[in-house]
Amino acid sequence: MQYDVTLDVKGLNCPLPRLKQSLSKLKPGDVIQVIATDPAAHLDIGVFIDNSSHQMLSHERQDDIQYFYIKKAG
């Protein structure tokens, strides 16, 4: 999948603060790849996306690493 920026939050318990900060710096329509190891990241990020106008394009899991592709709202 094509993306504009990568946010590597491996090792952090909650990726949301960094994700919100990174999204605020992007242009509408930009796609951010988030790489996380927090086992609950899919829950936290999922709730955040559900309560925002951003779009989850894809969520993949490979072993203990989760990859999220999020498009910033326009």
N, C-alpha and C. Protein backbone atom coordinates (compact mmCIF):
# COMPACT_ATOMS: atom_id res chain seq x y z
N MET A 1 0.84 -1.18 0.00
CA MET A 1 0.00 0.00 0.00
C MET A 1 0.88 1.24 0.00
N GLN A 2 0.45 2.24 -0.70
CA GLN A 2 1.20 3.48 -0.80
C GLN A 2 0.86 4.38 0.39
N TYR A 3 1.88 5.05 0.95
CA TYR A 3 1.67 5.95 2.08
C TYR A 3 2.67 7.08 2.00
N ASP A 4 2.36 8.16 2.72
CA ASP A 4 3.18 9.38 2.67
C ASP A 4 4.20 9.46 3.80
N VAL A 5 3.88 8.88 4.94
CA VAL A 5 4.76 8.97 6.11
C VAL A 5 4.58 7.72 6.96
N THR A 6 5.64 7.34 7.67
CA THR A 6 5.58 6.20 8.58
C THR A 6 5.73 6.69 10.01
N LEU A 7 4.90 6.15 10.89
CA LEU A 7 4.99 6.42 12.32
C LEU A 7 5.32 5.09 13.00
N ASP A 8 6.54 4.97 13.48
CA ASP A 8 6.98 3.74 14.14
C ASP A 8 6.82 3.92 15.65
N VAL A 9 5.83 3.26 16.22
CA VAL A 9 5.56 3.36 17.66
C VAL A 9 5.74 2.00 18.34
N LYS A 10 6.63 1.19 17.76
CA LYS A 10 6.92 -0.11 18.37
C LYS A 10 7.48 0.13 19.77
N GLY A 11 7.01 -0.65 20.74
CA GLY A 11 7.48 -0.53 22.11
C GLY A 11 6.66 0.40 22.98
N LEU A 12 5.80 1.22 22.38
CA LEU A 12 4.95 2.12 23.17
C LEU A 12 3.66 1.42 23.55
N ASN A 13 3.18 1.68 24.77
CA ASN A 13 1.94 1.05 25.22
C ASN A 13 0.71 1.67 24.58
N CYS A 14 0.76 2.96 24.27
CA CYS A 14 -0.39 3.61 23.65
C CYS A 14 0.09 4.49 22.50
N PRO A 15 -0.20 4.10 21.28
CA PRO A 15 0.28 4.88 20.13
C PRO A 15 -0.54 6.13 19.82
N LEU A 16 -1.69 6.30 20.48
CA LEU A 16 -2.60 7.38 20.10
C LEU A 16 -2.02 8.78 20.20
N PRO A 17 -1.34 9.15 21.28
CA PRO A 17 -0.81 10.52 21.32
C PRO A 17 0.11 10.84 20.15
N ARG A 18 0.97 9.90 19.81
CA ARG A 18 1.88 10.12 18.68
C ARG A 18 1.13 10.14 17.35
N LEU A 19 0.12 9.28 17.24
CA LEU A 19 -0.68 9.26 16.01
C LEU A 19 -1.40 10.58 15.82
N LYS A 20 -2.04 11.07 16.87
CA LYS A 20 -2.76 12.35 16.77
C LYS A 20 -1.81 13.48 16.39
N GLN A 21 -0.64 13.50 17.01
CA GLN A 21 0.35 14.53 16.71
C GLN A 21 0.80 14.45 15.25
N SER A 22 1.06 13.25 14.78
CA SER A 22 1.49 13.07 13.39
C SER A 22 0.40 13.45 12.41
N LEU A 23 -0.84 13.07 12.69
CA LEU A 23 -1.95 13.41 11.80
C LEU A 23 -2.12 14.93 11.69
N SER A 24 -1.88 15.64 12.78
CA SER A 24 -2.06 17.09 12.76
C SER A 24 -1.07 17.78 11.82
N LYS A 25 0.02 17.12 11.50
CA LYS A 25 1.05 17.70 10.63
C LYS A 25 0.85 17.33 9.16
N LEU A 26 -0.07 16.41 8.88
CA LEU A 26 -0.29 15.95 7.50
C LEU A 26 -1.32 16.80 6.77
N LYS A 27 -1.27 16.73 5.45
CA LYS A 27 -2.27 17.39 4.62
C LYS A 27 -3.47 16.46 4.46
N PRO A 28 -4.66 17.01 4.25
CA PRO A 28 -5.83 16.17 3.98
C PRO A 28 -5.55 15.24 2.80
N GLY A 29 -5.92 13.98 2.97
CA GLY A 29 -5.72 12.99 1.92
C GLY A 29 -4.42 12.21 2.05
N ASP A 30 -3.49 12.72 2.88
CA ASP A 30 -2.24 11.99 3.10
C ASP A 30 -2.53 10.69 3.84
N VAL A 31 -1.69 9.70 3.61
CA VAL A 31 -1.83 8.39 4.26
C VAL A 31 -0.63 8.17 5.17
N ILE A 32 -0.92 7.77 6.40
CA ILE A 32 0.13 7.47 7.37
C ILE A 32 0.14 5.97 7.64
N GLN A 33 1.33 5.41 7.64
CA GLN A 33 1.51 4.01 8.04
C GLN A 33 1.93 4.03 9.50
N VAL A 34 1.22 3.30 10.34
CA VAL A 34 1.56 3.19 11.75
C VAL A 34 2.02 1.76 12.01
N ILE A 35 3.19 1.63 12.64
CA ILE A 35 3.74 0.32 12.97
C ILE A 35 3.75 0.23 14.50
N ALA A 36 2.98 -0.71 15.06
CA ALA A 36 2.81 -0.79 16.51
C ALA A 36 2.97 -2.21 17.01
N THR A 37 3.45 -2.33 18.25
CA THR A 37 3.54 -3.64 18.90
C THR A 37 2.59 -3.76 20.08
N ASP A 38 1.94 -2.68 20.47
CA ASP A 38 0.96 -2.72 21.56
C ASP A 38 -0.16 -3.68 21.16
N PRO A 39 -0.39 -4.76 21.95
CA PRO A 39 -1.43 -5.73 21.57
C PRO A 39 -2.83 -5.11 21.47
N ALA A 40 -3.07 -4.00 22.17
CA ALA A 40 -4.39 -3.36 22.14
C ALA A 40 -4.45 -2.20 21.15
N ALA A 41 -3.43 -2.02 20.35
CA ALA A 41 -3.39 -0.88 19.42
C ALA A 41 -4.59 -0.89 18.48
N HIS A 42 -4.99 -2.07 18.02
CA HIS A 42 -6.12 -2.12 17.09
C HIS A 42 -7.41 -1.64 17.74
N LEU A 43 -7.55 -1.86 19.04
CA LEU A 43 -8.74 -1.38 19.75
C LEU A 43 -8.69 0.13 19.90
N ASP A 44 -7.56 0.64 20.39
CA ASP A 44 -7.42 2.09 20.62
C ASP A 44 -7.53 2.88 19.32
N ILE A 45 -6.81 2.43 18.31
CA ILE A 45 -6.84 3.15 17.03
C ILE A 45 -8.21 3.00 16.38
N GLY A 46 -8.81 1.83 16.51
CA GLY A 46 -10.15 1.62 15.95
C GLY A 46 -11.18 2.56 16.53
N VAL A 47 -11.17 2.73 17.83
CA VAL A 47 -12.11 3.65 18.49
C VAL A 47 -11.83 5.08 18.05
N PHE A 48 -10.56 5.45 17.99
CA PHE A 48 -10.19 6.80 17.54
C PHE A 48 -10.71 7.06 16.13
N ILE A 49 -10.51 6.10 15.23
CA ILE A 49 -10.97 6.27 13.84
C ILE A 49 -12.50 6.36 13.79
N ASP A 50 -13.18 5.52 14.57
CA ASP A 50 -14.65 5.55 14.59
C ASP A 50 -15.19 6.89 15.06
N ASN A 51 -14.43 7.58 15.91
CA ASN A 51 -14.88 8.86 16.47
C ASN A 51 -14.25 10.06 15.77
N SER A 52 -13.62 9.82 14.63
CA SER A 52 -13.01 10.91 13.87
C SER A 52 -13.52 10.81 12.43
N SER A 53 -13.06 11.73 11.62
CA SER A 53 -13.43 11.67 10.20
C SER A 53 -12.31 11.07 9.35
N HIS A 54 -11.25 10.58 10.01
CA HIS A 54 -10.17 9.91 9.28
C HIS A 54 -10.64 8.52 8.84
N GLN A 55 -9.94 7.94 7.89
CA GLN A 55 -10.36 6.65 7.32
C GLN A 55 -9.27 5.60 7.50
N MET A 56 -9.66 4.46 8.06
CA MET A 56 -8.75 3.32 8.16
C MET A 56 -8.79 2.60 6.81
N LEU A 57 -7.67 2.62 6.10
CA LEU A 57 -7.61 1.96 4.80
C LEU A 57 -7.30 0.48 4.94
N SER A 58 -6.46 0.16 5.93
CA SER A 58 -6.06 -1.23 6.09
C SER A 58 -5.46 -1.44 7.48
N HIS A 59 -5.64 -2.66 7.99
CA HIS A 59 -5.00 -3.07 9.24
C HIS A 59 -4.51 -4.49 9.02
N GLU A 60 -3.20 -4.67 9.24
CA GLU A 60 -2.60 -5.99 9.04
C GLU A 60 -1.80 -6.35 10.29
N ARG A 61 -1.70 -7.64 10.54
CA ARG A 61 -0.91 -8.12 11.67
C ARG A 61 0.08 -9.16 11.15
N GLN A 62 1.35 -8.98 11.52
CA GLN A 62 2.38 -9.96 11.19
C GLN A 62 3.10 -10.28 12.49
N ASP A 63 2.85 -11.45 13.00
CA ASP A 63 3.38 -11.86 14.31
C ASP A 63 2.94 -10.86 15.38
N ASP A 64 3.88 -10.21 16.05
CA ASP A 64 3.52 -9.27 17.12
C ASP A 64 3.46 -7.82 16.64
N ILE A 65 3.58 -7.60 15.35
CA ILE A 65 3.59 -6.24 14.82
C ILE A 65 2.30 -5.99 14.04
N GLN A 66 1.69 -4.83 14.32
CA GLN A 66 0.48 -4.42 13.61
C GLN A 66 0.82 -3.24 12.70
N TYR A 67 0.23 -3.25 11.52
CA TYR A 67 0.41 -2.18 10.55
C TYR A 67 -0.96 -1.56 10.27
N PHE A 68 -1.04 -0.26 10.42
CA PHE A 68 -2.26 0.49 10.14
C PHE A 68 -1.98 1.49 9.02
N TYR A 69 -2.94 1.65 8.13
CA TYR A 69 -2.84 2.64 7.07
C TYR A 69 -4.06 3.54 7.21
N ILE A 70 -3.80 4.79 7.52
CA ILE A 70 -4.87 5.73 7.86
C ILE A 70 -4.78 6.95 6.94
N LYS A 71 -5.91 7.29 6.35
CA LYS A 71 -5.99 8.46 5.46
C LYS A 71 -6.55 9.64 6.25
N LYS A 72 -5.81 10.75 6.22
CA LYS A 72 -6.26 11.93 6.95
C LYS A 72 -7.48 12.53 6.27
N ALA A 73 -8.42 12.91 7.08
CA ALA A 73 -9.67 13.49 6.59
C ALA A 73 -9.42 14.82 5.87
N GLY A 74 -10.27 15.10 4.91
CA GLY A 74 -10.15 16.34 4.15
C GLY A 74 -11.04 17.36 4.73
